[in-house]
Amino acid sequence: MGLGGCIILIAVGAILTFATDWDMQGVNLDLVGVIFMIVGLIGVATFSSIARRRRVVVPPATPVIDDPARPHHHTRDGYSDGYGA
């Protein structure tokens, strides 16, 4: 069940608990709504902990440092690439 399903469970549970006044014989809708909300909250907590664990942290790229002591193998002066020489 994804995050959307958990939020729907919480919403349905809140509607059953707080917004209805139906009386069904043998069923306590307030209790059913509270159970839906608790299951939805457990699902959100589980989903967020799994999503946090899956998050991949990419290390920053190593910066390229131009070292003047090392000669460059390729120079681009317009004539050293073989064209126009």
C-alpha atoms as a PDB file:
ATOM      1  CA  MET A   1       0.000   0.000   0.000  1.00  0.00           C
ATOM      2  CA  GLY A   2       1.453   3.345  -0.984  1.00  0.00           C
ATOM      3  CA  LEU A   3       1.272   6.732   0.612  1.00  0.00           C
ATOM      4  CA  GLY A   4      -1.955   7.555  -1.223  1.00  0.00           C
ATOM      5  CA  GLY A   5      -3.698   4.478   0.151  1.00  0.00           C
ATOM      6  CA  CYS A   6      -2.636   5.369   3.687  1.00  0.00           C
ATOM      7  CA  ILE A   7      -3.966   8.901   3.333  1.00  0.00           C
ATOM      8  CA  ILE A   8      -7.264   7.545   1.971  1.00  0.00           C
ATOM      9  CA  LEU A   9      -7.531   5.218   4.983  1.00  0.00           C
ATOM     10  CA  ILE A  10      -6.997   8.144   7.337  1.00  0.00           C
ATOM     11  CA  ALA A  11      -9.600  10.234   5.492  1.00  0.00           C
ATOM     12  CA  VAL A  12     -12.202   7.452   5.436  1.00  0.00           C
ATOM     13  CA  GLY A  13     -11.594   6.752   9.117  1.00  0.00           C
ATOM     14  CA  ALA A  14     -12.011  10.419   9.993  1.00  0.00           C
ATOM     15  CA  ILE A  15     -15.248  10.599   8.000  1.00  0.00           C
ATOM     16  CA  LEU A  16     -16.626   7.491   9.701  1.00  0.00           C
ATOM     17  CA  THR A  17     -15.623   8.732  13.151  1.00  0.00           C
ATOM     18  CA  PHE A  18     -16.456  12.420  13.027  1.00  0.00           C
ATOM     19  CA  ALA A  19     -18.842  13.094  10.131  1.00  0.00           C
ATOM     20  CA  THR A  20     -21.419  10.332  10.282  1.00  0.00           C
ATOM     21  CA  ASP A  21     -24.192   9.579  12.704  1.00  0.00           C
ATOM     22  CA  TRP A  22     -25.340   6.305  11.210  1.00  0.00           C
ATOM     23  CA  ASP A  23     -26.407   3.511  13.527  1.00  0.00           C
ATOM     24  CA  MET A  24     -25.761   0.002  12.306  1.00  0.00           C
ATOM     25  CA  GLN A  25     -26.767  -2.954  14.379  1.00  0.00           C
ATOM     26  CA  GLY A  26     -23.687  -4.881  15.525  1.00  0.00           C
ATOM     27  CA  VAL A  27     -21.163  -2.429  14.058  1.00  0.00           C
ATOM     28  CA  ASN A  28     -19.644   0.511  15.873  1.00  0.00           C
ATOM     29  CA  LEU A  29     -18.714   2.887  13.044  1.00  0.00           C
ATOM     30  CA  ASP A  30     -16.770   5.164  15.385  1.00  0.00           C
ATOM     31  CA  LEU A  31     -14.497   2.264  16.324  1.00  0.00           C
ATOM     32  CA  VAL A  32     -14.113   1.205  12.690  1.00  0.00           C
ATOM     33  CA  GLY A  33     -13.120   4.781  11.798  1.00  0.00           C
ATOM     34  CA  VAL A  34     -10.552   4.934  14.590  1.00  0.00           C
ATOM     35  CA  ILE A  35      -9.093   1.602  13.446  1.00  0.00           C
ATOM     36  CA  PHE A  36      -8.830   2.905   9.860  1.00  0.00           C
ATOM     37  CA  MET A  37      -7.052   6.036  11.071  1.00  0.00           C
ATOM     38  CA  ILE A  38      -4.591   4.028  13.184  1.00  0.00           C
ATOM     39  CA  VAL A  39      -3.817   1.655  10.304  1.00  0.00           C
ATOM     40  CA  GLY A  40      -3.343   4.647   7.990  1.00  0.00           C
ATOM     41  CA  LEU A  41      -0.948   6.320  10.428  1.00  0.00           C
ATOM     42  CA  ILE A  42       1.049   3.108  10.806  1.00  0.00           C
ATOM     43  CA  GLY A  43       1.214   2.868   7.014  1.00  0.00           C
ATOM     44  CA  VAL A  44       2.431   6.468   6.663  1.00  0.00           C
ATOM     45  CA  ALA A  45       5.116   5.879   9.306  1.00  0.00           C
ATOM     46  CA  THR A  46       6.239   2.668   7.612  1.00  0.00           C
ATOM     47  CA  PHE A  47       6.248   4.263   4.170  1.00  0.00           C
ATOM     48  CA  SER A  48       8.274   7.256   5.339  1.00  0.00           C
ATOM     49  CA  SER A  49      10.872   5.077   7.088  1.00  0.00           C
ATOM     50  CA  ILE A  50      11.253   2.891   3.993  1.00  0.00           C
ATOM     51  CA  ALA A  51      11.482   5.933   1.720  1.00  0.00           C
ATOM     52  CA  ARG A  52      14.119   7.488   3.983  1.00  0.00           C
ATOM     53  CA  ARG A  53      16.153   4.271   3.881  1.00  0.00           C
ATOM     54  CA  ARG A  54      15.964   4.088   0.059  1.00  0.00           C
ATOM     55  CA  ARG A  55      17.221   7.633  -0.418  1.00  0.00           C
ATOM     56  CA  VAL A  56      20.578   7.495  -2.172  1.00  0.00           C
ATOM     57  CA  VAL A  57      23.119  10.131  -1.265  1.00  0.00           C
ATOM     58  CA  VAL A  58      25.466  10.826  -4.145  1.00  0.00           C
ATOM     59  CA  PRO A  59      28.859  12.101  -3.055  1.00  0.00           C
ATOM     60  CA  PRO A  60      29.917  15.353  -4.660  1.00  0.00           C
ATOM     61  CA  ALA A  61      31.998  15.062  -7.795  1.00  0.00           C
ATOM     62  CA  THR A  62      35.720  15.410  -7.422  1.00  0.00           C
ATOM     63  CA  PRO A  63      36.723  18.850  -8.664  1.00  0.00           C
ATOM     64  CA  VAL A  64      39.134  19.025 -11.570  1.00  0.00           C
ATOM     65  CA  ILE A  65      42.179  21.033 -10.588  1.00  0.00           C
ATOM     66  CA  ASP A  66      44.314  22.488 -13.341  1.00  0.00           C
ATOM     67  CA  ASP A  67      47.905  21.792 -12.346  1.00  0.00           C
ATOM     68  CA  PRO A  68      50.307  24.168 -14.135  1.00  0.00           C
ATOM     69  CA  ALA A  69      53.253  21.847 -13.387  1.00  0.00           C
ATOM     70  CA  ARG A  70      51.809  19.123 -15.628  1.00  0.00           C
ATOM     71  CA  PRO A  71      51.936  19.816 -19.362  1.00  0.00           C
ATOM     72  CA  HIS A  72      48.729  19.569 -21.339  1.00  0.00           C
ATOM     73  CA  HIS A  73      48.699  16.937 -24.033  1.00  0.00           C
ATOM     74  CA  HIS A  74      46.056  18.615 -26.140  1.00  0.00           C
ATOM     75  CA  THR A  75      46.205  22.235 -27.089  1.00  0.00           C
ATOM     76  CA  ARG A  76      43.522  23.838 -29.167  1.00  0.00           C
ATOM     77  CA  ASP A  77      45.230  26.652 -30.995  1.00  0.00           C
ATOM     78  CA  GLY A  78      43.511  25.903 -34.281  1.00  0.00           C
ATOM     79  CA  TYR A  79      46.505  24.432 -36.086  1.00  0.00           C
ATOM     80  CA  SER A  80      47.717  21.545 -33.924  1.00  0.00           C
ATOM     81  CA  ASP A  81      44.733  19.296 -34.622  1.00  0.00           C
ATOM     82  CA  GLY A  82      45.922  18.453 -38.134  1.00  0.00           C
ATOM     83  CA  TYR A  83      43.628  20.786 -40.027  1.00  0.00           C
ATOM     84  CA  GLY A  84      45.007  23.876 -41.664  1.00  0.00           C
ATOM     85  CA  ALA A  85      48.631  23.029 -40.979  1.00  0.00           C
END
